[in-house]
Amino acid sequence: MEYGTRGDLLRHLAEAVDSVAVGHPTRVAVDGPPAAGKTTLADELAVALRAGGREVIRATVDDFLVPRARRYRRGEFSAEGCYLDAHDHGALNRVLLDPLGPDGDRRFQHAVYDHAADTELSPPVRTAPVDAVLVFDGVFLMRPELVDRWDLRVLVSVAVDRTVERAVVRERRVSSGTEVERRWRERYLPAQQLYTVAARPIERADVVVHNDEPQRPAWEIRRRTGGG
């Protein structure tokens, strides 16, 4: 376990990315439960990598959701629905992860869904340089459908109650604290438990970031991958 400043963590993560030796864009997963801080960390890592001269593709699993009617077909508070029905992993592999992988042509799309409008998206196809880095954040990124697509796997870990506290603060403009807490405790956190049992993400992570105190994080670099 290492401890340090936020800047120390970002330097170590950038070094871990640079240590990956593959003949295609490096695909980095930043996984973790809702409100763990993974989106912020992924954004900061992208900035650090760009400052080091890398071209970064920034994407998120929220842009690979399925339409709302399918997402909530088991009910708004269903943990099984959250884990099993929420995301289009086939599209994620088809338009982004596989094109950037060892047998891909590097022609990719970064999204397929507009969450705000609840509609499908088809952004222009882009071609990634061979030394680009995909920094991708989201939940359930080490599940069986995805785990072998990543060249570096980062897991953001936070105490359960801390995620609920953060969620209440983050969403207070659109939802009451009671509504947010119910959603977390009935849907999101039980879905994370299903994921933990099914996929064992902590065993598959290359880097585990303990993000309870974001400005004084701790981290474990478990191993460096060389191509998945």
C-alpha atoms as a PDB file:
ATOM      1  CA  MET A   1       0.000   0.000   0.000  1.00  0.00           C
ATOM      2  CA  GLU A   2       1.272   3.452  -0.903  1.00  0.00           C
ATOM      3  CA  TYR A   3       0.024   6.794   0.396  1.00  0.00           C
ATOM      4  CA  GLY A   4       0.501  10.265  -0.987  1.00  0.00           C
ATOM      5  CA  THR A   5      -1.032  13.325  -2.534  1.00  0.00           C
ATOM      6  CA  ARG A   6      -3.439  13.384  -5.438  1.00  0.00           C
ATOM      7  CA  GLY A   7      -0.539  14.375  -7.671  1.00  0.00           C
ATOM      8  CA  ASP A   8       1.494  11.382  -6.477  1.00  0.00           C
ATOM      9  CA  LEU A   9      -1.365   9.048  -7.358  1.00  0.00           C
ATOM     10  CA  LEU A  10      -1.775  10.525 -10.833  1.00  0.00           C
ATOM     11  CA  ARG A  11       1.958  10.226 -11.529  1.00  0.00           C
ATOM     12  CA  HIS A  12       1.902   6.561 -10.528  1.00  0.00           C
ATOM     13  CA  LEU A  13      -1.149   5.895 -12.675  1.00  0.00           C
ATOM     14  CA  ALA A  14       0.414   7.654 -15.682  1.00  0.00           C
ATOM     15  CA  GLU A  15       3.546   5.565 -15.216  1.00  0.00           C
ATOM     16  CA  ALA A  16       1.424   2.413 -15.055  1.00  0.00           C
ATOM     17  CA  VAL A  17      -0.241   3.392 -18.335  1.00  0.00           C
ATOM     18  CA  ASP A  18       3.095   4.130 -19.982  1.00  0.00           C
ATOM     19  CA  SER A  19       4.433   0.754 -18.833  1.00  0.00           C
ATOM     20  CA  VAL A  20       1.837  -1.121 -20.905  1.00  0.00           C
ATOM     21  CA  ALA A  21       3.532  -2.418 -24.054  1.00  0.00           C
ATOM     22  CA  VAL A  22       1.005  -3.248 -26.753  1.00  0.00           C
ATOM     23  CA  GLY A  23       0.864  -2.719 -30.499  1.00  0.00           C
ATOM     24  CA  HIS A  24      -2.477  -0.917 -30.359  1.00  0.00           C
ATOM     25  CA  PRO A  25      -4.105   1.840 -28.271  1.00  0.00           C
ATOM     26  CA  THR A  26      -3.925   1.202 -24.537  1.00  0.00           C
ATOM     27  CA  ARG A  27      -7.381   0.558 -23.092  1.00  0.00           C
ATOM     28  CA  VAL A  28      -7.631   1.667 -19.457  1.00  0.00           C
ATOM     29  CA  ALA A  29     -10.639   0.797 -17.283  1.00  0.00           C
ATOM     30  CA  VAL A  30     -11.439   2.971 -14.254  1.00  0.00           C
ATOM     31  CA  ASP A  31     -13.986   0.858 -12.408  1.00  0.00           C
ATOM     32  CA  GLY A  32     -15.804   1.327  -9.113  1.00  0.00           C
ATOM     33  CA  PRO A  33     -19.175   1.806  -7.453  1.00  0.00           C
ATOM     34  CA  PRO A  34     -21.347   4.861  -8.098  1.00  0.00           C
ATOM     35  CA  ALA A  35     -20.059   7.999  -6.329  1.00  0.00           C
ATOM     36  CA  ALA A  36     -16.645   6.445  -5.667  1.00  0.00           C
ATOM     37  CA  GLY A  37     -14.916   9.223  -7.602  1.00  0.00           C
ATOM     38  CA  LYS A  38     -13.963   7.218 -10.673  1.00  0.00           C
ATOM     39  CA  THR A  39     -15.153   9.803 -13.214  1.00  0.00           C
ATOM     40  CA  THR A  40     -13.133  12.547 -11.527  1.00  0.00           C
ATOM     41  CA  LEU A  41     -10.089  10.288 -11.361  1.00  0.00           C
ATOM     42  CA  ALA A  42     -10.442   9.314 -15.020  1.00  0.00           C
ATOM     43  CA  ASP A  43     -10.741  12.980 -16.023  1.00  0.00           C
ATOM     44  CA  GLU A  44      -7.623  13.861 -14.036  1.00  0.00           C
ATOM     45  CA  LEU A  45      -5.693  10.919 -15.462  1.00  0.00           C
ATOM     46  CA  ALA A  46      -6.630  12.011 -18.983  1.00  0.00           C
ATOM     47  CA  VAL A  47      -5.255  15.501 -18.269  1.00  0.00           C
ATOM     48  CA  ALA A  48      -2.028  14.039 -16.871  1.00  0.00           C
ATOM     49  CA  LEU A  49      -1.549  11.753 -19.863  1.00  0.00           C
ATOM     50  CA  ARG A  50      -2.162  14.577 -22.332  1.00  0.00           C
ATOM     51  CA  ALA A  51       0.366  16.711 -20.463  1.00  0.00           C
ATOM     52  CA  GLY A  52       2.843  13.878 -21.030  1.00  0.00           C
ATOM     53  CA  GLY A  53       2.218  13.921 -24.773  1.00  0.00           C
ATOM     54  CA  ARG A  54      -0.255  11.051 -25.126  1.00  0.00           C
ATOM     55  CA  GLU A  55      -3.398  11.336 -27.226  1.00  0.00           C
ATOM     56  CA  VAL A  56      -6.334  10.381 -25.020  1.00  0.00           C
ATOM     57  CA  ILE A  57      -9.779   9.081 -25.940  1.00  0.00           C
ATOM     58  CA  ARG A  58     -12.078   9.794 -23.002  1.00  0.00           C
ATOM     59  CA  ALA A  59     -15.266   7.738 -22.759  1.00  0.00           C
ATOM     60  CA  THR A  60     -17.725   6.463 -20.162  1.00  0.00           C
ATOM     61  CA  VAL A  61     -20.073   3.529 -19.697  1.00  0.00           C
ATOM     62  CA  ASP A  62     -22.933   6.009 -19.218  1.00  0.00           C
ATOM     63  CA  ASP A  63     -22.816   6.505 -22.990  1.00  0.00           C
ATOM     64  CA  PHE A  64     -23.396   2.769 -23.472  1.00  0.00           C
ATOM     65  CA  LEU A  65     -26.621   2.466 -21.497  1.00  0.00           C
ATOM     66  CA  VAL A  66     -29.656   0.822 -23.067  1.00  0.00           C
ATOM     67  CA  PRO A  67     -32.931   2.778 -23.411  1.00  0.00           C
ATOM     68  CA  ARG A  68     -34.742   3.493 -20.170  1.00  0.00           C
ATOM     69  CA  ALA A  69     -37.643   1.089 -20.851  1.00  0.00           C
ATOM     70  CA  ARG A  70     -35.212  -1.834 -21.110  1.00  0.00           C
ATOM     71  CA  ARG A  71     -33.018  -0.577 -18.287  1.00  0.00           C
ATOM     72  CA  TYR A  72     -35.854  -0.586 -15.766  1.00  0.00           C
ATOM     73  CA  ARG A  73     -37.923  -3.505 -17.014  1.00  0.00           C
ATOM     74  CA  ARG A  74     -37.388  -5.323 -13.675  1.00  0.00           C
ATOM     75  CA  GLY A  75     -38.280  -2.173 -11.729  1.00  0.00           C
ATOM     76  CA  GLU A  76     -36.637   1.110 -10.841  1.00  0.00           C
ATOM     77  CA  PHE A  77     -35.022  -0.275  -7.681  1.00  0.00           C
ATOM     78  CA  SER A  78     -34.030  -3.713  -8.968  1.00  0.00           C
ATOM     79  CA  ALA A  79     -30.418  -4.607  -8.245  1.00  0.00           C
ATOM     80  CA  GLU A  80     -30.569  -7.436 -10.784  1.00  0.00           C
ATOM     81  CA  GLY A  81     -31.823  -4.982 -13.377  1.00  0.00           C
ATOM     82  CA  CYS A  82     -28.955  -2.629 -12.619  1.00  0.00           C
ATOM     83  CA  TYR A  83     -26.358  -5.353 -13.065  1.00  0.00           C
ATOM     84  CA  LEU A  84     -27.937  -7.371 -15.884  1.00  0.00           C
ATOM     85  CA  ASP A  85     -29.989  -4.954 -17.973  1.00  0.00           C
ATOM     86  CA  ALA A  86     -28.468  -1.474 -17.848  1.00  0.00           C
ATOM     87  CA  HIS A  87     -25.608  -1.508 -20.358  1.00  0.00           C
ATOM     88  CA  ASP A  88     -25.030  -2.520 -23.956  1.00  0.00           C
ATOM     89  CA  HIS A  89     -21.776  -4.422 -23.595  1.00  0.00           C
ATOM     90  CA  GLY A  90     -22.051  -5.847 -27.091  1.00  0.00           C
ATOM     91  CA  ALA A  91     -22.064  -2.373 -28.601  1.00  0.00           C
ATOM     92  CA  LEU A  92     -19.238  -1.264 -26.311  1.00  0.00           C
ATOM     93  CA  ASN A  93     -17.058  -4.105 -27.545  1.00  0.00           C
ATOM     94  CA  ARG A  94     -18.127  -3.723 -31.163  1.00  0.00           C
ATOM     95  CA  VAL A  95     -17.656   0.021 -31.665  1.00  0.00           C
ATOM     96  CA  LEU A  96     -14.936   0.891 -29.146  1.00  0.00           C
ATOM     97  CA  LEU A  97     -12.985  -1.799 -27.314  1.00  0.00           C
ATOM     98  CA  ASP A  98     -12.469  -4.287 -30.143  1.00  0.00           C
ATOM     99  CA  PRO A  99     -11.541  -1.687 -32.789  1.00  0.00           C
ATOM    100  CA  LEU A 100      -8.861  -0.390 -30.397  1.00  0.00           C
ATOM    101  CA  GLY A 101      -7.670  -3.898 -29.549  1.00  0.00           C
ATOM    102  CA  PRO A 102      -5.015  -6.182 -31.025  1.00  0.00           C
ATOM    103  CA  ASP A 103      -7.078  -7.219 -34.058  1.00  0.00           C
ATOM    104  CA  GLY A 104      -8.852  -3.908 -34.573  1.00  0.00           C
ATOM    105  CA  ASP A 105      -8.546  -1.278 -37.276  1.00  0.00           C
ATOM    106  CA  ARG A 106      -8.543   1.587 -34.710  1.00  0.00           C
ATOM    107  CA  ARG A 107     -11.740   3.060 -36.228  1.00  0.00           C
ATOM    108  CA  PHE A 108     -14.052   3.666 -33.281  1.00  0.00           C
ATOM    109  CA  GLN A 109     -17.095   5.437 -31.883  1.00  0.00           C
ATOM    110  CA  HIS A 110     -17.007   6.663 -28.292  1.00  0.00           C
ATOM    111  CA  ALA A 111     -20.772   6.471 -27.570  1.00  0.00           C
ATOM    112  CA  VAL A 112     -24.046   4.885 -28.650  1.00  0.00           C
ATOM    113  CA  TYR A 113     -26.588   6.482 -26.294  1.00  0.00           C
ATOM    114  CA  ASP A 114     -27.678   9.933 -25.140  1.00  0.00           C
ATOM    115  CA  HIS A 115     -28.743   9.600 -21.501  1.00  0.00           C
ATOM    116  CA  ALA A 116     -30.471  12.980 -21.284  1.00  0.00           C
ATOM    117  CA  ALA A 117     -32.615  12.412 -24.382  1.00  0.00           C
ATOM    118  CA  ASP A 118     -32.982   8.624 -23.928  1.00  0.00           C
ATOM    119  CA  THR A 119     -32.104   8.102 -27.584  1.00  0.00           C
ATOM    120  CA  GLU A 120     -29.492   6.222 -29.562  1.00  0.00           C
ATOM    121  CA  LEU A 121     -26.407   8.052 -30.823  1.00  0.00           C
ATOM    122  CA  SER A 122     -24.193   7.479 -33.820  1.00  0.00           C
ATOM    123  CA  PRO A 123     -21.248   9.870 -33.569  1.00  0.00           C
ATOM    124  CA  PRO A 124     -18.729  10.117 -36.413  1.00  0.00           C
ATOM    125  CA  VAL A 125     -16.242   7.284 -36.690  1.00  0.00           C
ATOM    126  CA  ARG A 126     -12.724   8.374 -35.730  1.00  0.00           C
ATOM    127  CA  THR A 127      -9.359   6.673 -36.181  1.00  0.00           C
ATOM    128  CA  ALA A 128      -7.083   6.422 -33.164  1.00  0.00           C
ATOM    129  CA  PRO A 129      -3.286   6.644 -33.370  1.00  0.00           C
ATOM    130  CA  VAL A 130      -1.614   3.396 -32.468  1.00  0.00           C
ATOM    131  CA  ASP A 131      -0.147   4.939 -29.293  1.00  0.00           C
ATOM    132  CA  ALA A 132      -3.397   6.550 -28.087  1.00  0.00           C
ATOM    133  CA  VAL A 133      -4.866   5.821 -24.655  1.00  0.00           C
ATOM    134  CA  LEU A 134      -8.525   5.093 -24.026  1.00  0.00           C
ATOM    135  CA  VAL A 135      -9.468   6.202 -20.500  1.00  0.00           C
ATOM    136  CA  PHE A 136     -12.870   4.661 -19.808  1.00  0.00           C
ATOM    137  CA  ASP A 137     -14.772   4.991 -16.535  1.00  0.00           C
ATOM    138  CA  GLY A 138     -17.837   3.186 -15.303  1.00  0.00           C
ATOM    139  CA  VAL A 139     -19.398   0.463 -13.215  1.00  0.00           C
ATOM    140  CA  PHE A 140     -18.998  -3.291 -13.750  1.00  0.00           C
ATOM    141  CA  LEU A 141     -16.035  -2.945 -16.129  1.00  0.00           C
ATOM    142  CA  MET A 142     -14.400  -6.224 -15.083  1.00  0.00           C
ATOM    143  CA  ARG A 143     -17.426  -8.397 -15.680  1.00  0.00           C
ATOM    144  CA  PRO A 144     -16.857 -11.415 -17.972  1.00  0.00           C
ATOM    145  CA  GLU A 145     -18.064  -9.655 -21.129  1.00  0.00           C
ATOM    146  CA  LEU A 146     -15.410  -6.953 -20.764  1.00  0.00           C
ATOM    147  CA  VAL A 147     -12.561  -8.039 -18.521  1.00  0.00           C
ATOM    148  CA  ASP A 148     -10.228  -9.316 -21.255  1.00  0.00           C
ATOM    149  CA  ARG A 149     -10.589  -6.159 -23.329  1.00  0.00           C
ATOM    150  CA  TRP A 150      -8.637  -3.952 -20.922  1.00  0.00           C
ATOM    151  CA  ASP A 151      -4.880  -3.455 -20.996  1.00  0.00           C
ATOM    152  CA  LEU A 152      -4.841  -1.796 -17.559  1.00  0.00           C
ATOM    153  CA  ARG A 153      -7.535  -2.174 -14.910  1.00  0.00           C
ATOM    154  CA  VAL A 154      -7.962   0.420 -12.151  1.00  0.00           C
ATOM    155  CA  LEU A 155     -10.475  -0.200  -9.367  1.00  0.00           C
ATOM    156  CA  VAL A 156     -11.604   2.743  -7.215  1.00  0.00           C
ATOM    157  CA  SER A 157     -12.601   1.597  -3.729  1.00  0.00           C
ATOM    158  CA  VAL A 158     -14.599   3.618  -1.177  1.00  0.00           C
ATOM    159  CA  ALA A 159     -16.466   2.714   2.009  1.00  0.00           C
ATOM    160  CA  VAL A 160     -20.141   2.047   1.308  1.00  0.00           C
ATOM    161  CA  ASP A 161     -21.494   4.785   3.567  1.00  0.00           C
ATOM    162  CA  ARG A 162     -19.131   7.292   1.983  1.00  0.00           C
ATOM    163  CA  THR A 163     -20.580   6.635  -1.467  1.00  0.00           C
ATOM    164  CA  VAL A 164     -24.093   7.230  -0.146  1.00  0.00           C
ATOM    165  CA  GLU A 165     -23.037  10.498   1.497  1.00  0.00           C
ATOM    166  CA  ARG A 166     -21.405  11.681  -1.714  1.00  0.00           C
ATOM    167  CA  ALA A 167     -24.412  10.688  -3.791  1.00  0.00           C
ATOM    168  CA  VAL A 168     -26.794  12.673  -1.575  1.00  0.00           C
ATOM    169  CA  VAL A 169     -24.620  15.773  -1.958  1.00  0.00           C
ATOM    170  CA  ARG A 170     -24.079  15.257  -5.686  1.00  0.00           C
ATOM    171  CA  GLU A 171     -27.743  14.753  -6.574  1.00  0.00           C
ATOM    172  CA  ARG A 172     -29.470  17.075  -4.115  1.00  0.00           C
ATOM    173  CA  ARG A 173     -30.472  19.472  -6.907  1.00  0.00           C
ATOM    174  CA  VAL A 174     -32.515  16.811  -8.700  1.00  0.00           C
ATOM    175  CA  SER A 175     -33.541  14.345  -5.969  1.00  0.00           C
ATOM    176  CA  SER A 176     -34.254  14.404  -2.251  1.00  0.00           C
ATOM    177  CA  GLY A 177     -31.779  12.779   0.092  1.00  0.00           C
ATOM    178  CA  THR A 178     -34.346  10.096   0.915  1.00  0.00           C
ATOM    179  CA  GLU A 179     -34.820   9.212  -2.753  1.00  0.00           C
ATOM    180  CA  VAL A 180     -31.086   9.094  -3.417  1.00  0.00           C
ATOM    181  CA  GLU A 181     -30.376   6.933  -0.388  1.00  0.00           C
ATOM    182  CA  ARG A 182     -33.135   4.506  -1.339  1.00  0.00           C
ATOM    183  CA  ARG A 183     -31.767   4.205  -4.892  1.00  0.00           C
ATOM    184  CA  TRP A 184     -28.258   3.537  -3.607  1.00  0.00           C
ATOM    185  CA  ARG A 185     -29.220   1.076  -0.906  1.00  0.00           C
ATOM    186  CA  GLU A 186     -31.827  -0.867  -2.902  1.00  0.00           C
ATOM    187  CA  ARG A 187     -30.420  -0.751  -6.456  1.00  0.00           C
ATOM    188  CA  TYR A 188     -26.837   0.398  -6.846  1.00  0.00           C
ATOM    189  CA  LEU A 189     -25.102  -1.076  -3.804  1.00  0.00           C
ATOM    190  CA  PRO A 190     -26.788  -4.509  -4.005  1.00  0.00           C
ATOM    191  CA  ALA A 191     -25.888  -4.535  -7.718  1.00  0.00           C
ATOM    192  CA  GLN A 192     -22.267  -3.971  -6.699  1.00  0.00           C
ATOM    193  CA  GLN A 193     -22.552  -6.958  -4.373  1.00  0.00           C
ATOM    194  CA  LEU A 194     -23.818  -9.093  -7.265  1.00  0.00           C
ATOM    195  CA  TYR A 195     -20.889  -7.857  -9.352  1.00  0.00           C
ATOM    196  CA  THR A 196     -18.356  -8.592  -6.626  1.00  0.00           C
ATOM    197  CA  VAL A 197     -19.550 -12.173  -6.287  1.00  0.00           C
ATOM    198  CA  ALA A 198     -19.819 -12.792 -10.035  1.00  0.00           C
ATOM    199  CA  ALA A 199     -16.685 -11.042 -11.292  1.00  0.00           C
ATOM    200  CA  ARG A 200     -14.303 -10.656  -8.297  1.00  0.00           C
ATOM    201  CA  PRO A 201     -13.063  -7.277  -9.560  1.00  0.00           C
ATOM    202  CA  ILE A 202     -10.517  -6.724  -6.798  1.00  0.00           C
ATOM    203  CA  GLU A 203      -8.730  -9.897  -7.900  1.00  0.00           C
ATOM    204  CA  ARG A 204      -8.590  -8.682 -11.504  1.00  0.00           C
ATOM    205  CA  ALA A 205      -7.481  -5.111 -10.880  1.00  0.00           C
ATOM    206  CA  ASP A 206      -3.942  -4.028 -11.724  1.00  0.00           C
ATOM    207  CA  VAL A 207      -4.268  -0.947  -9.509  1.00  0.00           C
ATOM    208  CA  VAL A 208      -6.600  -0.464  -6.533  1.00  0.00           C
ATOM    209  CA  VAL A 209      -7.165   3.155  -5.462  1.00  0.00           C
ATOM    210  CA  HIS A 210      -8.565   3.733  -1.974  1.00  0.00           C
ATOM    211  CA  ASN A 211     -10.429   6.991  -2.480  1.00  0.00           C
ATOM    212  CA  ASP A 212     -12.133   7.673   0.860  1.00  0.00           C
ATOM    213  CA  GLU A 213      -9.983  10.806   1.204  1.00  0.00           C
ATOM    214  CA  PRO A 214      -9.484  12.002  -2.391  1.00  0.00           C
ATOM    215  CA  GLN A 215      -6.705  14.459  -1.563  1.00  0.00           C
ATOM    216  CA  ARG A 216      -4.813  11.873   0.502  1.00  0.00           C
ATOM    217  CA  PRO A 217      -5.435   8.648  -1.401  1.00  0.00           C
ATOM    218  CA  ALA A 218      -3.841   5.258  -0.939  1.00  0.00           C
ATOM    219  CA  TRP A 219      -3.183   2.805  -3.729  1.00  0.00           C
ATOM    220  CA  GLU A 220      -1.849  -0.636  -4.509  1.00  0.00           C
ATOM    221  CA  ILE A 221      -0.157  -1.406  -7.807  1.00  0.00           C
ATOM    222  CA  ARG A 222      -0.626  -5.141  -8.012  1.00  0.00           C
ATOM    223  CA  ARG A 223       0.857  -5.948 -11.404  1.00  0.00           C
ATOM    224  CA  ARG A 224       1.606  -4.364 -14.730  1.00  0.00           C
ATOM    225  CA  THR A 225      -0.179  -5.846 -17.716  1.00  0.00           C
ATOM    226  CA  GLY A 226       1.512  -6.338 -21.038  1.00  0.00           C
ATOM    227  CA  GLY A 227      -1.513  -6.586 -23.239  1.00  0.00           C
ATOM    228  CA  GLY A 228      -4.516  -8.002 -21.451  1.00  0.00           C
END
